[in-house]
Amino acid sequence: MKLLRTVLAGILCLTLATASLSQDITVSSSRDKQKFTYRNGSPLQSFEVESRGIITLTDDDKDVKRISADGYLEIEKTVFGSTRKIVITPEGDGPKRQYYEGRSFA
């Protein structure tokens, strides 16, 4: 719930700052799984956030502390055709982070 509030607050700020960009917010759920997707973009840039499961942040809200076994968090930004993405998934000793530049694992 804390992450959802944080993400929604961030989306509101982005919405106000980027009123001319196209935006799409989707929340879907089936039985015990819920997926959240946020997209905004223009011809030159885009920003996407997608998450599923229960995501717990650290006390200072600066990092992901834990993700449920069925969850993930994916954040992607493209500017002038250059894409950067982070995918955070659960792992035994804490969240696993994978960084991508373009289509390559960084």
Protein backbone atom coordinates (compact mmCIF):
# COMPACT_ATOMS: atom_id res chain seq x y z
CA MET A 1 0.00 0.00 0.00
CA LYS A 2 2.88 2.33 0.82
CA LEU A 3 4.39 1.78 -2.64
CA LEU A 4 1.04 2.33 -4.33
CA ARG A 5 0.62 5.68 -2.54
CA THR A 6 4.17 6.66 -3.49
CA VAL A 7 3.68 5.64 -7.11
CA LEU A 8 0.32 7.43 -7.35
CA ALA A 9 1.81 10.61 -5.85
CA GLY A 10 4.65 10.43 -8.36
CA ILE A 11 2.18 9.91 -11.18
CA LEU A 12 0.21 12.96 -10.11
CA CYS A 13 3.39 15.07 -10.17
CA LEU A 14 4.36 13.68 -13.58
CA THR A 15 0.84 14.30 -14.88
CA LEU A 16 0.92 17.93 -13.85
CA ALA A 17 4.44 18.43 -15.23
CA THR A 18 3.81 16.64 -18.53
CA ALA A 19 0.25 17.61 -19.44
CA SER A 20 0.98 17.52 -23.19
CA LEU A 21 2.24 13.92 -23.12
CA SER A 22 -0.01 10.93 -23.79
CA GLN A 23 -0.72 8.91 -20.64
CA ASP A 24 -2.17 5.53 -19.79
CA ILE A 25 -2.82 4.06 -16.34
CA THR A 26 -4.04 0.48 -15.98
CA VAL A 27 -4.79 -1.53 -12.86
CA SER A 28 -5.88 -5.11 -13.47
CA SER A 29 -6.56 -7.91 -11.05
CA SER A 30 -7.47 -11.55 -11.24
CA ARG A 31 -8.16 -13.56 -8.12
CA ASP A 32 -5.18 -12.93 -5.84
CA LYS A 33 -2.94 -11.04 -8.30
CA GLN A 34 -2.99 -7.35 -9.09
CA LYS A 35 -0.92 -5.61 -11.76
CA PHE A 36 -0.32 -1.87 -12.02
CA THR A 37 0.93 -0.19 -15.21
CA TYR A 38 1.65 3.51 -15.82
CA ARG A 39 2.81 4.88 -19.17
CA ASN A 40 3.35 8.37 -20.48
CA GLY A 41 5.16 9.55 -23.51
CA SER A 42 5.69 11.84 -26.41
CA PRO A 43 7.36 11.30 -29.77
CA LEU A 44 10.79 11.87 -28.17
CA GLN A 45 10.48 10.28 -24.74
CA SER A 46 8.49 7.80 -22.66
CA PHE A 47 8.32 6.61 -19.06
CA GLU A 48 6.73 3.34 -17.88
CA VAL A 49 6.25 1.73 -14.48
CA GLU A 50 4.81 -1.78 -14.10
CA SER A 51 4.44 -3.76 -10.89
CA ARG A 52 2.78 -6.87 -9.51
CA GLY A 53 2.64 -8.36 -6.05
CA ILE A 54 3.39 -6.85 -2.67
CA ILE A 55 6.35 -4.48 -2.72
CA THR A 56 7.81 -3.17 0.55
CA LEU A 57 10.03 -0.10 0.58
CA THR A 58 12.79 0.78 3.05
CA ASP A 59 11.88 3.18 5.85
CA ASP A 60 13.30 6.15 3.90
CA ASP A 61 11.31 5.17 0.73
CA LYS A 62 14.52 5.18 -1.35
CA ASP A 63 14.82 1.46 -2.13
CA VAL A 64 12.87 -1.77 -2.41
CA LYS A 65 13.22 -3.84 0.74
CA ARG A 66 11.16 -6.89 -0.25
CA ILE A 67 8.94 -8.22 -3.05
CA SER A 68 6.43 -11.04 -2.73
CA ALA A 69 7.33 -14.31 -4.48
CA ASP A 70 4.94 -13.61 -7.39
CA GLY A 71 5.87 -9.94 -7.75
CA TYR A 72 8.15 -7.65 -9.71
CA LEU A 73 8.80 -3.95 -10.34
CA GLU A 74 9.88 -2.69 -13.77
CA ILE A 75 10.76 0.93 -14.56
CA GLU A 76 11.69 1.99 -18.09
CA LYS A 77 12.64 5.36 -19.57
CA THR A 78 13.32 6.17 -23.21
CA VAL A 79 14.78 9.48 -24.41
CA PHE A 80 15.66 10.13 -28.05
CA GLY A 81 15.60 6.37 -28.74
CA SER A 82 17.92 5.46 -25.85
CA THR A 83 16.19 3.10 -23.40
CA ARG A 84 17.18 2.33 -19.82
CA LYS A 85 15.30 -0.13 -17.65
CA ILE A 86 15.53 -1.65 -14.18
CA VAL A 87 13.72 -4.88 -13.30
CA ILE A 88 13.49 -5.80 -9.63
CA THR A 89 12.40 -9.34 -8.77
CA PRO A 90 12.37 -11.39 -5.55
CA GLU A 91 15.34 -13.53 -4.62
CA GLY A 92 16.18 -15.52 -1.49
CA ASP A 93 18.32 -12.93 0.30
CA GLY A 94 16.54 -9.79 -0.98
CA PRO A 95 15.42 -8.14 -4.20
CA LYS A 96 17.42 -8.88 -7.35
CA ARG A 97 18.09 -5.88 -9.60
CA GLN A 98 18.79 -6.12 -13.32
CA TYR A 99 19.77 -3.01 -15.27
CA TYR A 100 19.40 -2.72 -19.03
CA GLU A 101 20.72 -0.15 -21.49
CA GLY A 102 18.96 -0.60 -24.80
CA ARG A 103 18.32 -4.32 -25.10
CA SER A 104 21.57 -5.27 -23.36
CA PHE A 105 21.99 -6.28 -19.76
CA ALA A 106 24.26 -3.69 -18.11
